Amino acid sequence: MFPFKTSLNASTLFPYKLNVVEQIAIAGEAGYEGIELWVSGIESYLAGGGTAAEIREALASHNVAFVNAIAFIKWADQDEAIRDEAFVQAERELRMLADLGCRAAAAPPFGDVANVSLTDMGAHFARLSALGREIGIDLYVEFWGRASNLSRVDQALEVMRASGLANAQMLLDPFHMYTGGSTVDDLKGLQGSQIGIMHANDYPTSPSRETITDAERVFPGEGIAPSKEIAETLYAAGYRGYLSVELFIADFGSQTALETAVKGLQTLKETYQVAAE
């Protein structure tokens, strides 16, 4: 039996130009247990005349949990005025997400964070998390491999520690581990409870680590990522949460959206399977 829960990040379906309700339907038909939707996609659907009730109905009818939202909030920007504006944005978006039954939202190093200390970042994350708790949404510290700051696993862990939150969690991603220079060894000190969600993807030998882009990610198992070791490390840490297929491939050729989603699920389960206890 596969030991983790399965999720699809809506980015994987972006080439098909589906709205969020259609993305949910594909995830459900393919057999995923959860989905990560993008705030921008939700807002576009609502602005085009769609309703929150339709999104909730799609999630319920397809038996898909809304496990995480991809948001871009300048919660850690060095400019106080920009941060204050970001928290206004955060409250609006988090309330919208809570209304849809979303469980969590990503908090990446979006904005001007190059000169923000990890200690200060921790304080800002504590403020964001407090807002989330008030609304009913968890926030996950997300590192970006190419970010000017908060680009590695150890830095995300330091932000979590600096926040003073006993239950702080991070979002893991093999591609960002690779581009930021993190290794599987960096995961070995983590407890499963410190991981909010894990993105699942892979990367080829070429282009190089220094030049590879998101668009060149590949399906799990089709590249050189130490996926099996990552899976075993997560499992040993006690993690049993979601692995979410997140790709940014621009063109899948003649492959349909459902075929792409099914392939993602199959490669996910094959690649991240661990030996039975």
Foldseek 3Di string as FASTA:
>chain_A
DFLAAAEAECLLVVLVVDALLVSLQLLLVLPHQEYEEELVSVVVCVVVPHDLVSLLVSCVVSNYAHEEYEYAAQLQAPDPVSNVVSVVVLLVSLLSCVSNRYAEYEDENHYHRLPPDLLSLLCSVLVSQVSNVVNRHGYAYEAALPDSARQELVSSVSSPVSVVDPQHAHEEEQLSCLLNVHDLVSLQVDALSRHSEYEAWAAAPPPDSPDDDQQRIHAAPPHDGPQQSNLVSSVVSVHHYYYYYRGNHNDPDPQDSSNSSNVNVVNVSVRNGHDDD
